[in-house]
Amino acid sequence: DRYTTVIVFDEESFERYVPNLEPGGWLFYNSSVIKNCKIPENVKSVPLAVSEIAALKGISKVSNMLVLGAFAKFTGYFSLDELVRGMEIYLPVWRHKLIPINRQILAGVFSSTEEELLTPPEAFVKSTV
C-alpha cells in the first residue's frame, strides 16, 4: 500500500508507515517523541511538538485535535466548520460534550500561522491555542 498522507505519533508507527509514503506526500509527526527517525527528503514534512504543546496548554488528552487542525490547515482539505460538522454527525451523542473543547483547539490551530505551528513549544504556548 502507498499513502499520500501519513500522521504518526510515535517512532514505531513512523518506521511502519513512512516508507510507504508517496513522493510529494504529507508527513505529519509528533516531533516531541519522534527524534531519531530519518525524514525522507521527497515529502512535505510537518514536525509538530504535539506532546509538549498539549502539555503546556493543559490539553494533553486532545493532542489529536492539534494534529487534525494542522493537517487541515496545511493541506487545505477541510475548513474548521467542516471538521466541527463532521464531529457533530459522526461522533456518538455521548461524545458531543467534547465538541466545544475540540472546536476551541481547532480554532486556535486555524488562527495560528504555519510558522507558529512549527516553532518550539515555548513560543507556541504564547499563541491562541
N, C-alpha and C. Protein backbone atom coordinates (compact mmCIF):
# COMPACT_ATOMS: atom_id res chain seq x y z
N ASP A 1 0.83 -1.19 0.00
CA ASP A 1 0.00 0.00 0.00
C ASP A 1 0.87 1.25 0.00
N ARG A 2 0.44 2.27 -0.73
CA ARG A 2 1.12 3.56 -0.76
C ARG A 2 0.17 4.60 -0.17
N TYR A 3 0.74 5.60 0.52
CA TYR A 3 -0.05 6.61 1.18
C TYR A 3 0.30 8.00 0.66
N THR A 4 -0.71 8.88 0.59
CA THR A 4 -0.46 10.27 0.21
C THR A 4 -0.24 11.13 1.45
N THR A 5 -0.71 10.65 2.59
CA THR A 5 -0.53 11.35 3.87
C THR A 5 -0.29 10.33 4.97
N VAL A 6 0.67 10.64 5.82
CA VAL A 6 0.93 9.80 7.00
C VAL A 6 0.98 10.72 8.20
N ILE A 7 0.25 10.34 9.25
CA ILE A 7 0.25 11.07 10.52
C ILE A 7 0.71 10.08 11.58
N VAL A 8 1.83 10.38 12.23
CA VAL A 8 2.37 9.45 13.22
C VAL A 8 2.69 10.16 14.53
N PHE A 9 2.44 9.44 15.62
CA PHE A 9 2.67 9.98 16.95
C PHE A 9 3.85 9.33 17.66
N ASP A 10 4.39 8.22 17.10
CA ASP A 10 5.50 7.54 17.76
C ASP A 10 6.43 6.93 16.72
N GLU A 11 7.63 6.54 17.18
CA GLU A 11 8.65 6.03 16.26
C GLU A 11 8.25 4.69 15.63
N GLU A 12 7.56 3.85 16.37
CA GLU A 12 7.13 2.56 15.82
C GLU A 12 6.22 2.77 14.60
N SER A 13 5.25 3.68 14.72
CA SER A 13 4.36 3.98 13.60
C SER A 13 5.13 4.64 12.46
N PHE A 14 6.07 5.50 12.82
CA PHE A 14 6.90 6.16 11.81
C PHE A 14 7.61 5.10 10.95
N GLU A 15 8.27 4.16 11.61
CA GLU A 15 9.02 3.12 10.90
C GLU A 15 8.11 2.23 10.06
N ARG A 16 6.89 2.06 10.50
CA ARG A 16 5.96 1.18 9.80
C ARG A 16 5.33 1.85 8.57
N TYR A 17 4.95 3.14 8.68
CA TYR A 17 4.15 3.76 7.62
C TYR A 17 4.91 4.70 6.69
N VAL A 18 5.91 5.38 7.20
CA VAL A 18 6.61 6.38 6.38
C VAL A 18 7.28 5.77 5.14
N PRO A 19 7.84 4.57 5.20
CA PRO A 19 8.43 4.01 3.98
C PRO A 19 7.43 3.86 2.82
N ASN A 20 6.14 3.83 3.12
CA ASN A 20 5.11 3.70 2.09
C ASN A 20 4.49 5.02 1.69
N LEU A 21 5.07 6.12 2.15
CA LEU A 21 4.57 7.44 1.79
C LEU A 21 5.04 7.80 0.38
N GLU A 22 4.08 8.19 -0.45
CA GLU A 22 4.41 8.54 -1.84
C GLU A 22 5.28 9.78 -1.89
N PRO A 23 6.17 9.89 -2.88
CA PRO A 23 6.93 11.13 -3.07
C PRO A 23 5.96 12.30 -3.22
N GLY A 24 6.28 13.40 -2.55
CA GLY A 24 5.40 14.57 -2.58
C GLY A 24 4.26 14.50 -1.58
N GLY A 25 4.16 13.37 -0.85
CA GLY A 25 3.09 13.21 0.13
C GLY A 25 3.35 14.03 1.39
N TRP A 26 2.35 14.04 2.26
CA TRP A 26 2.41 14.79 3.52
C TRP A 26 2.82 13.86 4.66
N LEU A 27 3.75 14.33 5.49
CA LEU A 27 4.15 13.63 6.70
C LEU A 27 3.97 14.57 7.88
N PHE A 28 3.01 14.26 8.73
CA PHE A 28 2.78 15.00 9.97
C PHE A 28 3.25 14.09 11.09
N TYR A 29 4.13 14.61 11.94
CA TYR A 29 4.65 13.74 13.01
C TYR A 29 4.89 14.52 14.29
N ASN A 30 4.80 13.78 15.40
CA ASN A 30 4.99 14.35 16.73
C ASN A 30 6.48 14.45 17.00
N SER A 31 7.02 15.64 16.80
CA SER A 31 8.46 15.85 16.99
C SER A 31 8.86 15.84 18.46
N SER A 32 7.89 15.82 19.37
CA SER A 32 8.20 15.67 20.79
C SER A 32 8.70 14.27 21.09
N VAL A 33 8.25 13.30 20.30
CA VAL A 33 8.55 11.90 20.53
C VAL A 33 9.47 11.33 19.45
N ILE A 34 9.24 11.71 18.22
CA ILE A 34 9.99 11.15 17.10
C ILE A 34 11.22 12.02 16.87
N LYS A 35 12.36 11.50 17.32
CA LYS A 35 13.60 12.28 17.27
C LYS A 35 14.71 11.61 16.47
N ASN A 36 14.68 10.30 16.36
CA ASN A 36 15.79 9.58 15.74
C ASN A 36 15.44 8.93 14.41
N CYS A 37 14.39 9.40 13.77
CA CYS A 37 13.98 8.82 12.50
C CYS A 37 14.39 9.73 11.36
N LYS A 38 14.78 9.13 10.25
CA LYS A 38 15.19 9.90 9.08
C LYS A 38 13.96 10.34 8.30
N ILE A 39 13.85 11.65 8.12
CA ILE A 39 12.73 12.22 7.37
C ILE A 39 13.07 12.14 5.88
N PRO A 40 12.22 11.51 5.08
CA PRO A 40 12.50 11.46 3.64
C PRO A 40 12.55 12.87 3.04
N GLU A 41 13.46 13.08 2.13
CA GLU A 41 13.62 14.40 1.52
C GLU A 41 12.54 14.71 0.48
N ASN A 42 11.88 13.68 -0.03
CA ASN A 42 10.94 13.89 -1.12
C ASN A 42 9.49 14.00 -0.66
N VAL A 43 9.27 14.37 0.61
CA VAL A 43 7.92 14.54 1.13
C VAL A 43 7.78 15.91 1.79
N LYS A 44 6.54 16.33 1.98
CA LYS A 44 6.25 17.57 2.70
C LYS A 44 6.14 17.22 4.18
N SER A 45 7.14 17.60 4.95
CA SER A 45 7.25 17.21 6.34
C SER A 45 6.76 18.32 7.26
N VAL A 46 5.90 17.95 8.22
CA VAL A 46 5.36 18.91 9.18
C VAL A 46 5.63 18.38 10.59
N PRO A 47 6.76 18.81 11.19
CA PRO A 47 7.06 18.39 12.56
C PRO A 47 6.28 19.24 13.56
N LEU A 48 5.52 18.60 14.40
CA LEU A 48 4.71 19.30 15.40
C LEU A 48 5.08 18.77 16.78
N ALA A 49 5.45 19.65 17.68
CA ALA A 49 5.80 19.25 19.04
C ALA A 49 4.51 19.02 19.83
N VAL A 50 3.72 18.08 19.36
CA VAL A 50 2.37 17.85 19.85
C VAL A 50 2.32 17.60 21.35
N SER A 51 3.12 16.68 21.84
CA SER A 51 3.08 16.34 23.26
C SER A 51 3.42 17.54 24.13
N GLU A 52 4.45 18.28 23.75
CA GLU A 52 4.87 19.44 24.55
C GLU A 52 3.85 20.57 24.48
N ILE A 53 3.33 20.85 23.28
CA ILE A 53 2.34 21.91 23.14
C ILE A 53 1.10 21.57 23.95
N ALA A 54 0.62 20.34 23.82
CA ALA A 54 -0.57 19.92 24.55
C ALA A 54 -0.36 20.02 26.05
N ALA A 55 0.80 19.58 26.53
CA ALA A 55 1.08 19.64 27.96
C ALA A 55 1.17 21.09 28.44
N LEU A 56 1.85 21.94 27.68
CA LEU A 56 1.98 23.34 28.07
C LEU A 56 0.64 24.05 28.09
N LYS A 57 -0.25 23.64 27.20
CA LYS A 57 -1.58 24.24 27.14
C LYS A 57 -2.57 23.56 28.08
N GLY A 58 -2.14 22.45 28.71
CA GLY A 58 -3.03 21.74 29.61
C GLY A 58 -4.12 20.96 28.90
N ILE A 59 -3.83 20.52 27.67
CA ILE A 59 -4.84 19.83 26.88
C ILE A 59 -4.29 18.51 26.34
N SER A 60 -3.51 17.81 27.13
CA SER A 60 -2.83 16.61 26.65
C SER A 60 -3.79 15.52 26.18
N LYS A 61 -4.99 15.48 26.69
CA LYS A 61 -5.94 14.44 26.31
C LYS A 61 -6.47 14.62 24.89
N VAL A 62 -6.29 15.78 24.32
CA VAL A 62 -6.83 16.05 22.99
C VAL A 62 -5.74 16.49 22.01
N SER A 63 -4.55 15.96 22.19
CA SER A 63 -3.46 16.32 21.29
C SER A 63 -3.76 15.92 19.85
N ASN A 64 -4.62 14.92 19.68
CA ASN A 64 -5.00 14.52 18.32
C ASN A 64 -5.69 15.66 17.58
N MET A 65 -6.37 16.54 18.31
CA MET A 65 -7.03 17.69 17.67
C MET A 65 -6.00 18.68 17.14
N LEU A 66 -4.87 18.80 17.84
CA LEU A 66 -3.80 19.67 17.34
C LEU A 66 -3.32 19.17 15.98
N VAL A 67 -3.14 17.88 15.86
CA VAL A 67 -2.65 17.31 14.60
C VAL A 67 -3.74 17.39 13.53
N LEU A 68 -4.97 17.11 13.88
CA LEU A 68 -6.06 17.21 12.92
C LEU A 68 -6.16 18.64 12.38
N GLY A 69 -6.07 19.62 13.28
CA GLY A 69 -6.12 21.02 12.85
C GLY A 69 -4.96 21.37 11.94
N ALA A 70 -3.76 20.92 12.30
CA ALA A 70 -2.58 21.19 11.46
C ALA A 70 -2.73 20.52 10.10
N PHE A 71 -3.21 19.29 10.09
CA PHE A 71 -3.44 18.59 8.83
C PHE A 71 -4.38 19.40 7.94
N ALA A 72 -5.50 19.83 8.49
CA ALA A 72 -6.48 20.59 7.71
C ALA A 72 -5.91 21.93 7.25
N LYS A 73 -5.17 22.59 8.13
CA LYS A 73 -4.61 23.90 7.79
C LYS A 73 -3.55 23.80 6.69
N PHE A 74 -2.62 22.88 6.84
CA PHE A 74 -1.53 22.76 5.87
C PHE A 74 -2.00 22.24 4.51
N THR A 75 -2.92 21.28 4.52
CA THR A 75 -3.35 20.67 3.26
C THR A 75 -4.49 21.43 2.60
N GLY A 76 -5.29 22.12 3.40
CA GLY A 76 -6.46 22.81 2.86
C GLY A 76 -7.62 21.88 2.56
N TYR A 77 -7.55 20.65 3.03
CA TYR A 77 -8.59 19.67 2.73
C TYR A 77 -9.92 19.97 3.43
N PHE A 78 -9.85 20.55 4.62
CA PHE A 78 -11.06 20.81 5.40
C PHE A 78 -10.99 22.18 6.03
N SER A 79 -12.16 22.81 6.17
CA SER A 79 -12.26 24.06 6.93
C SER A 79 -12.59 23.71 8.39
N LEU A 80 -12.47 24.69 9.25
CA LEU A 80 -12.83 24.50 10.66
C LEU A 80 -14.29 24.05 10.77
N ASP A 81 -15.18 24.73 10.06
CA ASP A 81 -16.60 24.39 10.13
C ASP A 81 -16.88 22.97 9.64
N GLU A 82 -16.16 22.53 8.60
CA GLU A 82 -16.34 21.16 8.10
C GLU A 82 -15.90 20.13 9.13
N LEU A 83 -14.79 20.41 9.83
CA LEU A 83 -14.33 19.47 10.86
C LEU A 83 -15.34 19.38 12.00
N VAL A 84 -15.83 20.52 12.45
CA VAL A 84 -16.79 20.52 13.55
C VAL A 84 -18.09 19.84 13.13
N ARG A 85 -18.53 20.13 11.92
CA ARG A 85 -19.75 19.48 11.42
C ARG A 85 -19.57 17.97 11.35
N GLY A 86 -18.39 17.53 10.93
CA GLY A 86 -18.10 16.09 10.89
C GLY A 86 -18.20 15.47 12.27
N MET A 87 -17.70 16.17 13.29
CA MET A 87 -17.81 15.65 14.66
C MET A 87 -19.27 15.56 15.08
N GLU A 88 -20.06 16.58 14.74
CA GLU A 88 -21.48 16.58 15.11
C GLU A 88 -22.22 15.41 14.46
N ILE A 89 -21.83 15.06 13.24
CA ILE A 89 -22.51 14.00 12.51
C ILE A 89 -22.03 12.61 12.95
N TYR A 90 -20.72 12.44 13.10
CA TYR A 90 -20.17 11.11 13.27
C TYR A 90 -19.86 10.68 14.70
N LEU A 91 -19.66 11.62 15.60
CA LEU A 91 -19.41 11.22 16.99
C LEU A 91 -20.71 10.75 17.63
N PRO A 92 -20.64 9.72 18.46
CA PRO A 92 -21.85 9.33 19.19
C PRO A 92 -22.29 10.48 20.09
N VAL A 93 -23.57 10.55 20.33
CA VAL A 93 -24.14 11.65 21.12
C VAL A 93 -23.44 11.81 22.46
N TRP A 94 -23.09 10.71 23.11
CA TRP A 94 -22.45 10.81 24.41
C TRP A 94 -21.06 11.44 24.33
N ARG A 95 -20.48 11.58 23.12
CA ARG A 95 -19.18 12.24 22.93
C ARG A 95 -19.33 13.72 22.53
N HIS A 96 -20.54 14.18 22.31
CA HIS A 96 -20.76 15.56 21.88
C HIS A 96 -20.28 16.59 22.91
N LYS A 97 -20.17 16.19 24.16
CA LYS A 97 -19.66 17.12 25.18
C LYS A 97 -18.23 17.54 24.89
N LEU A 98 -17.50 16.76 24.06
CA LEU A 98 -16.12 17.09 23.70
C LEU A 98 -16.03 18.10 22.55
N ILE A 99 -17.11 18.30 21.83
CA ILE A 99 -17.06 19.16 20.64
C ILE A 99 -16.64 20.59 20.97
N PRO A 100 -17.14 21.23 22.04
CA PRO A 100 -16.70 22.61 22.30
C PRO A 100 -15.19 22.75 22.52
N ILE A 101 -14.57 21.87 23.30
CA ILE A 101 -13.12 21.97 23.51
C ILE A 101 -12.37 21.62 22.23
N ASN A 102 -12.87 20.64 21.49
CA ASN A 102 -12.24 20.31 20.21
C ASN A 102 -12.31 21.49 19.25
N ARG A 103 -13.46 22.15 19.21
CA ARG A 103 -13.61 23.32 18.34
C ARG A 103 -12.64 24.42 18.77
N GLN A 104 -12.50 24.63 20.06
CA GLN A 104 -11.59 25.66 20.57
C GLN A 104 -10.14 25.36 20.16
N ILE A 105 -9.74 24.12 20.28
CA ILE A 105 -8.38 23.73 19.90
C ILE A 105 -8.18 23.90 18.40
N LEU A 106 -9.14 23.41 17.62
CA LEU A 106 -9.04 23.54 16.17
C LEU A 106 -9.01 25.01 15.75
N ALA A 107 -9.84 25.84 16.38
CA ALA A 107 -9.86 27.28 16.06
C ALA A 107 -8.51 27.91 16.36
N GLY A 108 -7.89 27.51 17.47
CA GLY A 108 -6.57 28.02 17.80
C GLY A 108 -5.54 27.64 16.76
N VAL A 109 -5.60 26.42 16.27
CA VAL A 109 -4.67 25.98 15.23
C VAL A 109 -4.92 26.76 13.94
N PHE A 110 -6.19 26.90 13.56
CA PHE A 110 -6.52 27.62 12.33
C PHE A 110 -6.12 29.10 12.41
N SER A 111 -6.16 29.68 13.61
CA SER A 111 -5.80 31.10 13.74
C SER A 111 -4.28 31.31 13.84
N SER A 112 -3.53 30.24 14.02
CA SER A 112 -2.07 30.32 14.07
C SER A 112 -1.51 30.31 12.65
N THR A 113 -0.36 30.92 12.49
CA THR A 113 0.32 30.83 11.20
C THR A 113 1.04 29.49 11.12
N GLU A 114 1.37 29.09 9.91
CA GLU A 114 2.13 27.85 9.74
C GLU A 114 3.46 27.95 10.47
N GLU A 115 4.08 29.12 10.44
CA GLU A 115 5.36 29.32 11.12
C GLU A 115 5.20 29.12 12.63
N GLU A 116 4.12 29.65 13.20
CA GLU A 116 3.88 29.48 14.64
C GLU A 116 3.72 28.01 15.00
N LEU A 117 3.05 27.25 14.14
CA LEU A 117 2.83 25.83 14.42
C LEU A 117 4.12 25.03 14.37
N LEU A 118 5.11 25.53 13.65
CA LEU A 118 6.37 24.81 13.51
C LEU A 118 7.46 25.30 14.45
N THR A 119 7.13 26.27 15.30
CA THR A 119 8.12 26.81 16.23
C THR A 119 8.21 25.93 17.47
N PRO A 120 9.28 26.11 18.25
CA PRO A 120 9.37 25.36 19.51
C PRO A 120 8.17 25.64 20.41
N PRO A 121 7.76 24.69 21.22
CA PRO A 121 6.55 24.84 22.01
C PRO A 121 6.55 26.03 22.96
N GLU A 122 7.72 26.47 23.42
CA GLU A 122 7.76 27.61 24.32
C GLU A 122 7.20 28.85 23.63
N ALA A 123 7.45 29.00 22.35
CA ALA A 123 6.93 30.14 21.60
C ALA A 123 5.45 29.90 21.28
N PHE A 124 5.10 28.67 20.96
CA PHE A 124 3.73 28.36 20.57
C PHE A 124 2.77 28.57 21.72
N VAL A 125 3.20 28.29 22.92
CA VAL A 125 2.30 28.38 24.07
C VAL A 125 1.78 29.81 24.26
N LYS A 126 2.47 30.78 23.71
CA LYS A 126 2.02 32.17 23.79
C LYS A 126 0.94 32.48 22.75
N SER A 127 0.72 31.55 21.80
CA SER A 127 -0.28 31.77 20.76
C SER A 127 -1.68 31.49 21.28
N THR A 128 -2.64 31.42 20.39
CA THR A 128 -4.04 31.37 20.79
C THR A 128 -4.60 29.98 21.06
N VAL A 129 -3.86 28.92 20.82
CA VAL A 129 -4.42 27.58 21.07
C VAL A 129 -4.57 27.35 22.55
